[in-house]
């Protein structure tokens, strides 16, 4: 019985055109084998990655930190999809912290009432005790002054 003849493998010694054809063939097979759920998961992971990237940039991170935020958000997305309640809660909590899931708005009234208003009142009371003197870091028209004394 004769041995089956194999095609010689190309390896890394291909021309540019052969590489392009090979990559296009692999991408085509990937897309052909993709299901609807896979496409939705890919889209959702992309949204989560963008959310993590933009959150890290908003916090002042450099490019490396922003890419780390993107990767961490994709991991959090996978955790959020898991059937384990602890892992799912951790993933949802992280995605909410990044801003992908908008859970801050329902809590905003509670946070505003219980945290922001008392702190703001204490700062204003202390400011009045100081005779109206504002420290140098609270210049006219600054964000802190607008927060403390809106429309004054």
N, C-alpha and C. Protein backbone atom coordinates (compact mmCIF):
# COMPACT_ATOMS: atom_id res chain seq x y z
N UNK A 1 0.83 -1.16 0.00
CA UNK A 1 0.00 0.00 0.00
C UNK A 1 0.89 1.24 0.00
N UNK A 2 0.61 2.15 -0.91
CA UNK A 2 1.43 3.35 -1.07
C UNK A 2 1.03 4.42 -0.05
N UNK A 3 2.04 5.17 0.38
CA UNK A 3 1.76 6.25 1.31
C UNK A 3 1.05 7.37 0.59
N UNK A 4 0.17 8.05 1.36
CA UNK A 4 -0.56 9.19 0.80
C UNK A 4 0.40 10.36 0.67
N UNK A 5 0.40 10.96 -0.48
CA UNK A 5 1.28 12.10 -0.73
C UNK A 5 0.67 13.37 -0.12
N UNK A 6 1.46 14.08 0.64
CA UNK A 6 1.02 15.35 1.21
C UNK A 6 1.52 16.51 0.37
N UNK A 7 0.74 17.60 0.47
CA UNK A 7 1.20 18.82 -0.17
C UNK A 7 2.39 19.35 0.62
N UNK A 8 3.37 19.87 -0.04
CA UNK A 8 4.47 20.46 0.74
C UNK A 8 3.96 21.72 1.45
N UNK A 9 4.33 21.84 2.71
CA UNK A 9 3.90 23.01 3.50
C UNK A 9 4.75 24.21 3.13
N UNK A 10 4.09 25.35 3.14
CA UNK A 10 4.77 26.58 2.74
C UNK A 10 5.61 27.15 3.89
N UNK A 11 5.09 27.05 5.14
CA UNK A 11 5.82 27.64 6.26
C UNK A 11 5.83 29.16 6.17
N UNK A 12 6.94 29.74 6.55
CA UNK A 12 7.05 31.20 6.54
C UNK A 12 7.71 31.72 5.27
N UNK A 13 7.93 30.85 4.32
CA UNK A 13 8.59 31.27 3.08
C UNK A 13 7.54 31.48 2.00
N UNK A 14 6.67 32.47 2.22
CA UNK A 14 5.62 32.77 1.25
C UNK A 14 5.83 34.16 0.70
N UNK A 15 5.25 34.36 -0.46
CA UNK A 15 5.27 35.71 -1.02
C UNK A 15 4.16 36.53 -0.37
N UNK A 16 4.19 37.83 -0.62
CA UNK A 16 3.18 38.71 -0.05
C UNK A 16 1.78 38.31 -0.53
N UNK A 17 1.65 37.97 -1.78
CA UNK A 17 0.36 37.58 -2.33
C UNK A 17 -0.15 36.29 -1.69
N UNK A 18 0.74 35.32 -1.47
CA UNK A 18 0.35 34.07 -0.82
C UNK A 18 -0.10 34.31 0.62
N UNK A 19 0.60 35.22 1.33
CA UNK A 19 0.19 35.56 2.69
C UNK A 19 -1.19 36.20 2.69
N UNK A 20 -1.43 37.12 1.76
CA UNK A 20 -2.73 37.78 1.69
C UNK A 20 -3.85 36.79 1.42
N UNK A 21 -3.60 35.84 0.49
CA UNK A 21 -4.61 34.82 0.18
C UNK A 21 -4.86 33.92 1.38
N UNK A 22 -3.81 33.57 2.10
CA UNK A 22 -3.95 32.71 3.28
C UNK A 22 -4.74 33.41 4.38
N UNK A 23 -4.41 34.66 4.65
CA UNK A 23 -5.11 35.41 5.69
C UNK A 23 -6.57 35.63 5.30
N UNK A 24 -6.81 35.98 4.04
CA UNK A 24 -8.18 36.17 3.58
C UNK A 24 -8.99 34.87 3.69
N UNK A 25 -8.36 33.75 3.39
CA UNK A 25 -9.04 32.47 3.51
C UNK A 25 -9.40 32.15 4.96
N UNK A 26 -8.47 32.44 5.88
CA UNK A 26 -8.74 32.18 7.29
C UNK A 26 -9.84 33.10 7.82
N UNK A 27 -9.81 34.37 7.44
CA UNK A 27 -10.86 35.30 7.88
C UNK A 27 -12.21 34.87 7.31
N UNK A 28 -12.23 34.44 6.06
CA UNK A 28 -13.47 33.96 5.45
C UNK A 28 -14.04 32.76 6.18
N UNK A 29 -13.18 31.80 6.53
CA UNK A 29 -13.64 30.63 7.28
C UNK A 29 -14.17 31.03 8.65
N UNK A 30 -13.48 31.99 9.31
CA UNK A 30 -13.92 32.47 10.62
C UNK A 30 -15.32 33.09 10.54
N UNK A 31 -15.53 33.92 9.53
CA UNK A 31 -16.83 34.58 9.37
C UNK A 31 -17.91 33.56 8.99
N UNK A 32 -17.57 32.61 8.13
CA UNK A 32 -18.55 31.60 7.72
C UNK A 32 -18.99 30.74 8.89
N UNK A 33 -18.10 30.45 9.83
CA UNK A 33 -18.44 29.59 10.96
C UNK A 33 -19.05 30.35 12.13
N UNK A 34 -19.15 31.67 12.02
CA UNK A 34 -19.67 32.47 13.11
C UNK A 34 -21.20 32.38 13.17
N UNK A 35 -21.72 32.27 14.39
CA UNK A 35 -23.16 32.23 14.60
C UNK A 35 -23.63 33.60 15.05
N UNK A 36 -24.93 33.78 15.16
CA UNK A 36 -25.49 35.06 15.59
C UNK A 36 -25.07 35.43 17.01
N UNK A 37 -25.06 34.44 17.90
CA UNK A 37 -24.63 34.70 19.28
C UNK A 37 -23.17 35.14 19.34
N UNK A 38 -22.35 34.52 18.51
CA UNK A 38 -20.93 34.90 18.47
C UNK A 38 -20.76 36.34 18.03
N UNK A 39 -21.56 36.74 17.04
CA UNK A 39 -21.48 38.11 16.54
C UNK A 39 -21.92 39.11 17.61
N UNK A 40 -22.99 38.79 18.34
CA UNK A 40 -23.45 39.67 19.42
C UNK A 40 -22.42 39.75 20.55
N UNK A 41 -21.82 38.61 20.89
CA UNK A 41 -20.79 38.62 21.93
C UNK A 41 -19.57 39.42 21.50
N UNK A 42 -19.19 39.32 20.24
CA UNK A 42 -18.07 40.09 19.72
C UNK A 42 -18.37 41.58 19.79
N UNK A 43 -19.58 41.96 19.40
CA UNK A 43 -19.98 43.37 19.45
C UNK A 43 -20.00 43.87 20.90
N UNK A 44 -20.58 43.09 21.81
CA UNK A 44 -20.67 43.50 23.21
C UNK A 44 -19.28 43.59 23.84
N UNK A 45 -18.40 42.66 23.51
CA UNK A 45 -17.03 42.72 24.03
C UNK A 45 -16.32 43.96 23.49
N UNK A 46 -16.58 44.31 22.24
CA UNK A 46 -16.00 45.54 21.68
C UNK A 46 -16.50 46.78 22.39
N UNK A 47 -17.78 46.82 22.70
CA UNK A 47 -18.35 47.96 23.44
C UNK A 47 -17.72 48.04 24.83
N UNK A 48 -17.57 46.89 25.50
CA UNK A 48 -16.97 46.87 26.83
C UNK A 48 -15.50 47.30 26.76
N UNK A 49 -14.79 46.85 25.74
CA UNK A 49 -13.39 47.24 25.59
C UNK A 49 -13.28 48.75 25.38
N UNK A 50 -14.16 49.31 24.56
CA UNK A 50 -14.14 50.75 24.34
C UNK A 50 -14.47 51.50 25.63
N UNK A 51 -15.43 50.98 26.40
CA UNK A 51 -15.78 51.61 27.66
C UNK A 51 -14.61 51.61 28.64
N UNK A 52 -13.91 50.49 28.74
CA UNK A 52 -12.75 50.41 29.63
C UNK A 52 -11.62 51.31 29.17
N UNK A 53 -11.40 51.37 27.87
CA UNK A 53 -10.36 52.23 27.31
C UNK A 53 -10.67 53.70 27.60
N UNK A 54 -11.90 54.12 27.32
CA UNK A 54 -12.25 55.52 27.52
C UNK A 54 -12.28 55.89 29.00
N UNK A 55 -12.68 54.95 29.88
CA UNK A 55 -12.67 55.23 31.31
C UNK A 55 -11.24 55.44 31.81
N UNK A 56 -10.32 54.62 31.35
CA UNK A 56 -8.93 54.78 31.76
C UNK A 56 -8.35 56.09 31.24
N UNK A 57 -8.72 56.48 30.04
CA UNK A 57 -8.25 57.76 29.49
C UNK A 57 -8.84 58.93 30.28
N UNK A 58 -10.13 58.83 30.65
CA UNK A 58 -10.76 59.91 31.43
C UNK A 58 -10.09 60.07 32.78
N UNK A 59 -9.61 58.97 33.34
CA UNK A 59 -8.94 59.03 34.64
C UNK A 59 -7.49 59.49 34.53
N UNK A 60 -7.06 59.80 33.32
CA UNK A 60 -5.72 60.34 33.12
C UNK A 60 -4.66 59.30 32.85
N UNK A 61 -5.06 58.10 32.51
CA UNK A 61 -4.09 57.05 32.24
C UNK A 61 -3.41 57.24 30.88
N UNK A 62 -2.21 56.69 30.76
CA UNK A 62 -1.53 56.73 29.47
C UNK A 62 -2.08 55.63 28.56
N UNK A 63 -1.47 55.47 27.41
CA UNK A 63 -1.98 54.51 26.43
C UNK A 63 -1.93 53.07 26.95
N UNK A 64 -0.88 52.72 27.66
CA UNK A 64 -0.77 51.37 28.20
C UNK A 64 -1.86 51.09 29.24
N UNK A 65 -2.11 52.05 30.10
CA UNK A 65 -3.16 51.89 31.11
C UNK A 65 -4.53 51.80 30.44
N UNK A 66 -4.73 52.56 29.37
CA UNK A 66 -6.00 52.53 28.66
C UNK A 66 -6.22 51.17 28.00
N UNK A 67 -5.18 50.59 27.44
CA UNK A 67 -5.31 49.25 26.84
C UNK A 67 -5.55 48.21 27.93
N UNK A 68 -4.95 48.40 29.09
CA UNK A 68 -5.22 47.51 30.23
C UNK A 68 -6.67 47.62 30.68
N UNK A 69 -7.21 48.84 30.67
CA UNK A 69 -8.62 49.04 31.00
C UNK A 69 -9.53 48.34 30.01
N UNK A 70 -9.15 48.38 28.74
CA UNK A 70 -9.94 47.70 27.72
C UNK A 70 -9.93 46.19 27.93
N UNK A 71 -8.76 45.64 28.18
CA UNK A 71 -8.66 44.19 28.39
C UNK A 71 -9.39 43.76 29.66
N UNK A 72 -9.28 44.56 30.71
CA UNK A 72 -9.96 44.23 31.96
C UNK A 72 -11.47 44.28 31.79
N UNK A 73 -11.94 45.21 30.98
CA UNK A 73 -13.39 45.30 30.74
C UNK A 73 -13.91 44.09 29.97
N UNK A 74 -13.12 43.57 29.07
CA UNK A 74 -13.53 42.36 28.34
C UNK A 74 -13.60 41.18 29.31
N UNK A 75 -12.64 41.09 30.23
CA UNK A 75 -12.68 40.03 31.25
C UNK A 75 -13.92 40.20 32.13
N UNK A 76 -14.22 41.46 32.50
CA UNK A 76 -15.41 41.72 33.31
C UNK A 76 -16.67 41.34 32.56
N UNK A 77 -16.69 41.55 31.25
CA UNK A 77 -17.84 41.14 30.44
C UNK A 77 -18.02 39.63 30.48
N UNK A 78 -16.92 38.90 30.40
CA UNK A 78 -17.00 37.44 30.48
C UNK A 78 -17.49 37.00 31.86
N UNK A 79 -17.03 37.70 32.90
CA UNK A 79 -17.51 37.39 34.25
C UNK A 79 -19.00 37.67 34.38
N UNK A 80 -19.44 38.79 33.81
CA UNK A 80 -20.86 39.17 33.90
C UNK A 80 -21.75 38.15 33.20
N UNK A 81 -21.23 37.48 32.18
CA UNK A 81 -22.01 36.48 31.46
C UNK A 81 -22.04 35.13 32.16
N UNK A 82 -21.18 34.94 33.14
CA UNK A 82 -21.08 33.62 33.77
C UNK A 82 -22.34 33.31 34.58
N UNK A 83 -22.56 32.04 34.80
CA UNK A 83 -23.74 31.60 35.55
C UNK A 83 -23.51 31.63 37.06
N UNK A 84 -22.30 31.92 37.49
CA UNK A 84 -21.97 32.03 38.91
C UNK A 84 -22.40 33.41 39.40
N UNK A 85 -23.17 33.45 40.48
CA UNK A 85 -23.72 34.73 40.94
C UNK A 85 -22.63 35.67 41.46
N UNK A 86 -21.60 35.13 42.09
CA UNK A 86 -20.52 35.96 42.61
C UNK A 86 -19.70 36.55 41.46
N UNK A 87 -19.32 35.70 40.52
CA UNK A 87 -18.54 36.17 39.38
C UNK A 87 -19.36 37.14 38.53
N UNK A 88 -20.64 36.83 38.33
CA UNK A 88 -21.50 37.72 37.56
C UNK A 88 -21.65 39.08 38.22
N UNK A 89 -21.80 39.06 39.55
CA UNK A 89 -21.90 40.33 40.28
C UNK A 89 -20.63 41.15 40.19
N UNK A 90 -19.49 40.47 40.26
CA UNK A 90 -18.21 41.18 40.14
C UNK A 90 -18.06 41.80 38.76
N UNK A 91 -18.42 41.04 37.72
CA UNK A 91 -18.34 41.58 36.36
C UNK A 91 -19.27 42.75 36.15
N UNK A 92 -20.50 42.63 36.65
CA UNK A 92 -21.47 43.71 36.49
C UNK A 92 -21.01 44.94 37.29
N UNK A 93 -20.48 44.71 38.48
CA UNK A 93 -19.98 45.83 39.28
C UNK A 93 -18.84 46.56 38.59
N UNK A 94 -17.93 45.81 37.98
CA UNK A 94 -16.82 46.45 37.28
C UNK A 94 -17.32 47.23 36.07
N UNK A 95 -18.21 46.62 35.29
CA UNK A 95 -18.73 47.31 34.11
C UNK A 95 -19.53 48.55 34.50
N UNK A 96 -20.21 48.49 35.64
CA UNK A 96 -20.93 49.68 36.12
C UNK A 96 -19.94 50.76 36.53
N UNK A 97 -18.85 50.36 37.15
CA UNK A 97 -17.84 51.33 37.55
C UNK A 97 -17.17 51.99 36.36
N UNK A 98 -17.00 51.24 35.30
CA UNK A 98 -16.39 51.78 34.09
C UNK A 98 -17.36 52.70 33.35
N UNK A 99 -18.64 52.45 33.53
CA UNK A 99 -19.64 53.28 32.87
C UNK A 99 -20.32 52.60 31.70
N UNK A 100 -20.02 51.33 31.47
CA UNK A 100 -20.67 50.60 30.38
C UNK A 100 -22.12 50.31 30.73
N UNK A 101 -22.35 49.92 31.98
CA UNK A 101 -23.71 49.68 32.47
C UNK A 101 -24.09 50.90 33.29
N UNK A 102 -25.20 51.51 32.99
CA UNK A 102 -25.58 52.75 33.63
C UNK A 102 -26.44 52.47 34.86
N UNK A 103 -25.79 52.20 36.00
CA UNK A 103 -26.54 52.00 37.24
C UNK A 103 -26.33 53.16 38.19
N UNK A 104 -25.51 54.12 37.83
CA UNK A 104 -25.25 55.24 38.71
C UNK A 104 -26.45 56.18 38.78
N UNK A 105 -27.17 56.37 37.70
CA UNK A 105 -28.28 57.32 37.69
C UNK A 105 -29.38 56.97 38.69
N UNK A 106 -29.82 55.70 38.82
CA UNK A 106 -30.83 55.43 39.84
C UNK A 106 -30.31 55.70 41.25
N UNK A 107 -29.03 55.56 41.47
CA UNK A 107 -28.46 55.80 42.78
C UNK A 107 -28.06 57.25 42.99
N UNK A 108 -28.11 58.05 41.94
CA UNK A 108 -27.61 59.42 42.02
C UNK A 108 -28.35 60.23 43.08
N UNK A 109 -29.67 60.10 43.16
CA UNK A 109 -30.44 60.87 44.13
C UNK A 109 -30.03 60.50 45.56
N UNK A 110 -29.83 59.21 45.81
CA UNK A 110 -29.43 58.77 47.15
C UNK A 110 -28.03 59.29 47.47
N UNK A 111 -27.11 59.17 46.54
CA UNK A 111 -25.74 59.65 46.76
C UNK A 111 -25.76 61.16 46.97
N UNK A 112 -26.51 61.86 46.15
CA UNK A 112 -26.58 63.32 46.27
C UNK A 112 -27.11 63.72 47.64
N UNK A 113 -28.16 63.06 48.10
CA UNK A 113 -28.81 63.42 49.36
C UNK A 113 -27.97 63.03 50.58
N UNK A 114 -27.39 61.83 50.54
CA UNK A 114 -26.70 61.31 51.71
C UNK A 114 -25.23 61.69 51.80
N UNK A 115 -24.59 61.98 50.69
CA UNK A 115 -23.15 62.23 50.71
C UNK A 115 -22.82 63.65 50.29
N UNK A 116 -23.27 64.04 49.11
CA UNK A 116 -22.83 65.31 48.55
C UNK A 116 -23.39 66.50 49.33
N UNK A 117 -24.67 66.49 49.63
CA UNK A 117 -25.28 67.64 50.31
C UNK A 117 -24.67 67.87 51.70
N UNK A 118 -24.50 66.83 52.56
CA UNK A 118 -23.86 67.09 53.86
C UNK A 118 -22.43 67.61 53.75
N UNK A 119 -21.67 67.05 52.81
CA UNK A 119 -20.28 67.51 52.63
C UNK A 119 -20.28 68.95 52.15
N UNK A 120 -21.12 69.25 51.21
CA UNK A 120 -21.21 70.60 50.68
C UNK A 120 -21.63 71.58 51.77
N UNK A 121 -22.59 71.19 52.61
CA UNK A 121 -23.07 72.05 53.69
C UNK A 121 -21.94 72.31 54.68
N UNK A 122 -21.18 71.28 55.01
CA UNK A 122 -20.07 71.44 55.95
C UNK A 122 -19.02 72.39 55.39
N UNK A 123 -18.70 72.26 54.11
CA UNK A 123 -17.71 73.15 53.49
C UNK A 123 -18.21 74.58 53.52
N UNK A 124 -19.49 74.79 53.18
CA UNK A 124 -20.04 76.15 53.18
C UNK A 124 -20.06 76.72 54.59
N UNK A 125 -20.43 75.91 55.60
CA UNK A 125 -20.42 76.39 56.98
C UNK A 125 -19.02 76.78 57.41
N UNK A 126 -18.04 75.95 57.07
CA UNK A 126 -16.66 76.28 57.42
C UNK A 126 -16.20 77.53 56.69
N UNK A 127 -16.61 77.70 55.47
CA UNK A 127 -16.23 78.88 54.68
C UNK A 127 -16.78 80.14 55.32
N UNK A 128 -18.01 80.06 55.81
CA UNK A 128 -18.61 81.23 56.46
C UNK A 128 -17.90 81.52 57.78
N UNK A 129 -17.44 80.48 58.48
CA UNK A 129 -16.68 80.69 59.71
C UNK A 129 -15.36 81.39 59.43
N UNK A 130 -14.79 81.16 58.26
CA UNK A 130 -13.53 81.78 57.91
C UNK A 130 -13.72 83.23 57.46
N UNK A 131 -14.94 83.72 57.53
CA UNK A 131 -15.21 85.10 57.14
C UNK A 131 -15.32 85.27 55.64
N UNK A 132 -15.66 84.22 54.95
CA UNK A 132 -15.84 84.31 53.50
C UNK A 132 -14.55 84.19 52.71
N UNK A 133 -13.43 83.90 53.40
CA UNK A 133 -12.17 83.77 52.69
C UNK A 133 -12.08 82.41 52.02
N UNK A 134 -11.82 82.41 50.75
CA UNK A 134 -11.63 81.16 50.02
C UNK A 134 -10.14 80.92 49.83
N UNK A 135 -9.70 79.70 50.01
CA UNK A 135 -8.28 79.41 49.77
C UNK A 135 -7.89 79.73 48.32
N UNK A 136 -6.60 79.82 48.11
CA UNK A 136 -6.08 80.19 46.78
C UNK A 136 -6.51 79.18 45.73
N UNK A 137 -6.62 77.91 46.10
CA UNK A 137 -6.97 76.88 45.11
C UNK A 137 -8.41 76.99 44.66
N UNK A 138 -9.21 77.85 45.27
CA UNK A 138 -10.60 78.03 44.84
C UNK A 138 -10.74 79.42 44.24
N UNK A 139 -10.16 79.60 43.07
CA UNK A 139 -10.16 80.89 42.40
C UNK A 139 -11.54 81.23 41.86
N UNK A 140 -11.71 82.49 41.54
CA UNK A 140 -12.95 82.97 40.96
C UNK A 140 -13.23 82.22 39.66
N UNK A 141 -14.43 81.63 39.54
CA UNK A 141 -14.82 80.91 38.33
C UNK A 141 -14.29 79.49 38.24
N UNK A 142 -13.64 79.01 39.31
CA UNK A 142 -13.10 77.65 39.26
C UNK A 142 -14.23 76.63 39.40
N UNK A 143 -13.92 75.39 39.07
CA UNK A 143 -14.92 74.32 39.15
C UNK A 143 -15.37 74.10 40.59
N UNK A 144 -14.44 74.22 41.56
CA UNK A 144 -14.80 74.04 42.95
C UNK A 144 -15.77 75.14 43.41
N UNK A 145 -15.49 76.37 43.00
CA UNK A 145 -16.38 77.46 43.38
C UNK A 145 -17.75 77.29 42.74
N UNK A 146 -17.80 76.84 41.50
CA UNK A 146 -19.09 76.60 40.85
C UNK A 146 -19.85 75.48 41.55
N UNK A 147 -19.15 74.48 42.04
CA UNK A 147 -19.79 73.38 42.74
C UNK A 147 -20.34 73.83 44.09
N UNK A 148 -19.52 74.62 44.80
CA UNK A 148 -19.94 75.08 46.12
C UNK A 148 -21.03 76.14 46.06
N UNK A 149 -20.89 77.07 45.15
CA UNK A 149 -21.81 78.21 45.08
C UNK A 149 -22.36 78.37 43.68
N UNK A 150 -23.25 77.48 43.25
CA UNK A 150 -23.78 77.63 41.90
C UNK A 150 -24.65 78.87 41.79
N UNK A 151 -24.52 79.59 40.71
CA UNK A 151 -25.36 80.74 40.36
C UNK A 151 -25.27 81.85 41.41
N UNK A 152 -24.12 82.05 42.02
CA UNK A 152 -23.98 83.16 42.97
C UNK A 152 -23.13 84.23 42.36
